[in-house]
Amino acid sequence: MNLIMLFLVLLGNASLGILNLFLLVHGLLSALFFFLIDQVQKVYGTRMLPALGGLSLFAPLLSGLL
């Protein structure tokens, strides 16, 4: 990720908008994935998907989002 940011900065001012967008989307998606993992742990008591026997059996919508 650092190499991507360095490349975008070296391209010039036009790439700063792309860099800001990338960082914003990266932050939002990271937070959403941590939230989804936390919800799986709260509902099923484990984060280990093999222990659940597969997430799509218990929560097909959630597994589709992941």
C-alpha atoms as a PDB file:
ATOM      1  CA  MET A   1       0.000   0.000   0.000  1.00  0.00           C
ATOM      2  CA  ASN A   2       2.889   2.367   0.685  1.00  0.00           C
ATOM      3  CA  LEU A   3       4.217   1.822  -2.810  1.00  0.00           C
ATOM      4  CA  ILE A   4       0.834   2.732  -4.289  1.00  0.00           C
ATOM      5  CA  MET A   5       0.694   5.919  -2.249  1.00  0.00           C
ATOM      6  CA  LEU A   6       4.253   6.839  -3.221  1.00  0.00           C
ATOM      7  CA  PHE A   7       3.467   6.255  -6.896  1.00  0.00           C
ATOM      8  CA  LEU A   8       0.371   8.447  -6.725  1.00  0.00           C
ATOM      9  CA  VAL A   9       2.247  11.250  -4.964  1.00  0.00           C
ATOM     10  CA  LEU A  10       5.018  11.155  -7.551  1.00  0.00           C
ATOM     11  CA  LEU A  11       2.507  11.543 -10.387  1.00  0.00           C
ATOM     12  CA  GLY A  12       1.641  15.081  -9.334  1.00  0.00           C
ATOM     13  CA  ASN A  13      -1.292  17.121  -8.124  1.00  0.00           C
ATOM     14  CA  ALA A  14      -3.844  15.343 -10.304  1.00  0.00           C
ATOM     15  CA  SER A  15      -3.290  12.131  -8.382  1.00  0.00           C
ATOM     16  CA  LEU A  16      -3.920  13.670  -4.956  1.00  0.00           C
ATOM     17  CA  GLY A  17      -7.681  13.368  -5.481  1.00  0.00           C
ATOM     18  CA  ILE A  18      -7.265   9.711  -6.341  1.00  0.00           C
ATOM     19  CA  LEU A  19      -5.063   9.227  -3.284  1.00  0.00           C
ATOM     20  CA  ASN A  20      -7.619  10.866  -0.999  1.00  0.00           C
ATOM     21  CA  LEU A  21     -10.403   8.753  -2.461  1.00  0.00           C
ATOM     22  CA  PHE A  22      -8.328   5.584  -2.019  1.00  0.00           C
ATOM     23  CA  LEU A  23      -7.591   6.402   1.612  1.00  0.00           C
ATOM     24  CA  LEU A  24     -11.225   7.234   2.341  1.00  0.00           C
ATOM     25  CA  VAL A  25     -12.544   4.022   0.771  1.00  0.00           C
ATOM     26  CA  HIS A  26      -9.823   1.961   2.466  1.00  0.00           C
ATOM     27  CA  GLY A  27     -10.748   3.389   5.868  1.00  0.00           C
ATOM     28  CA  LEU A  28     -14.467   2.792   5.381  1.00  0.00           C
ATOM     29  CA  LEU A  29     -14.091  -0.768   4.121  1.00  0.00           C
ATOM     30  CA  SER A  30     -11.663  -1.693   6.892  1.00  0.00           C
ATOM     31  CA  ALA A  31     -14.077  -0.427   9.530  1.00  0.00           C
ATOM     32  CA  LEU A  32     -16.998  -2.291   7.926  1.00  0.00           C
ATOM     33  CA  PHE A  33     -15.088  -5.577   7.791  1.00  0.00           C
ATOM     34  CA  PHE A  34     -14.103  -5.281  11.451  1.00  0.00           C
ATOM     35  CA  PHE A  35     -17.768  -4.569  12.265  1.00  0.00           C
ATOM     36  CA  LEU A  36     -18.953  -7.631  10.322  1.00  0.00           C
ATOM     37  CA  ILE A  37     -16.409  -9.884  12.023  1.00  0.00           C
ATOM     38  CA  ASP A  38     -17.453  -8.527  15.418  1.00  0.00           C
ATOM     39  CA  GLN A  39     -21.116  -9.210  14.638  1.00  0.00           C
ATOM     40  CA  VAL A  40     -20.336 -12.805  13.669  1.00  0.00           C
ATOM     41  CA  GLN A  41     -18.489 -13.255  16.952  1.00  0.00           C
ATOM     42  CA  LYS A  42     -21.335 -11.756  19.003  1.00  0.00           C
ATOM     43  CA  VAL A  43     -24.039 -13.836  17.360  1.00  0.00           C
ATOM     44  CA  TYR A  44     -22.243 -17.191  17.033  1.00  0.00           C
ATOM     45  CA  GLY A  45     -19.618 -16.921  19.791  1.00  0.00           C
ATOM     46  CA  THR A  46     -16.654 -17.608  17.529  1.00  0.00           C
ATOM     47  CA  ARG A  47     -14.651 -16.018  14.766  1.00  0.00           C
ATOM     48  CA  MET A  48     -13.544 -19.345  13.367  1.00  0.00           C
ATOM     49  CA  LEU A  49     -15.559 -20.008  10.226  1.00  0.00           C
ATOM     50  CA  PRO A  50     -14.691 -23.741  10.094  1.00  0.00           C
ATOM     51  CA  ALA A  51     -16.167 -24.083  13.605  1.00  0.00           C
ATOM     52  CA  LEU A  52     -19.426 -22.695  12.255  1.00  0.00           C
ATOM     53  CA  GLY A  53     -19.429 -25.229   9.450  1.00  0.00           C
ATOM     54  CA  GLY A  54     -19.455 -22.407   6.939  1.00  0.00           C
ATOM     55  CA  LEU A  55     -20.982 -18.978   7.272  1.00  0.00           C
ATOM     56  CA  SER A  56     -23.320 -19.374   4.308  1.00  0.00           C
ATOM     57  CA  LEU A  57     -25.326 -22.063   6.115  1.00  0.00           C
ATOM     58  CA  PHE A  58     -26.223 -19.778   9.021  1.00  0.00           C
ATOM     59  CA  ALA A  59     -26.201 -16.324   7.413  1.00  0.00           C
ATOM     60  CA  PRO A  60     -26.371 -16.377   3.610  1.00  0.00           C
ATOM     61  CA  LEU A  61     -26.878 -12.609   3.324  1.00  0.00           C
ATOM     62  CA  LEU A  62     -23.899 -11.862   5.548  1.00  0.00           C
ATOM     63  CA  SER A  63     -21.682 -14.305   3.681  1.00  0.00           C
ATOM     64  CA  GLY A  64     -22.715 -12.661   0.419  1.00  0.00           C
ATOM     65  CA  LEU A  65     -21.701  -9.269   1.786  1.00  0.00           C
ATOM     66  CA  LEU A  66     -18.325 -10.598   2.886  1.00  0.00           C
END
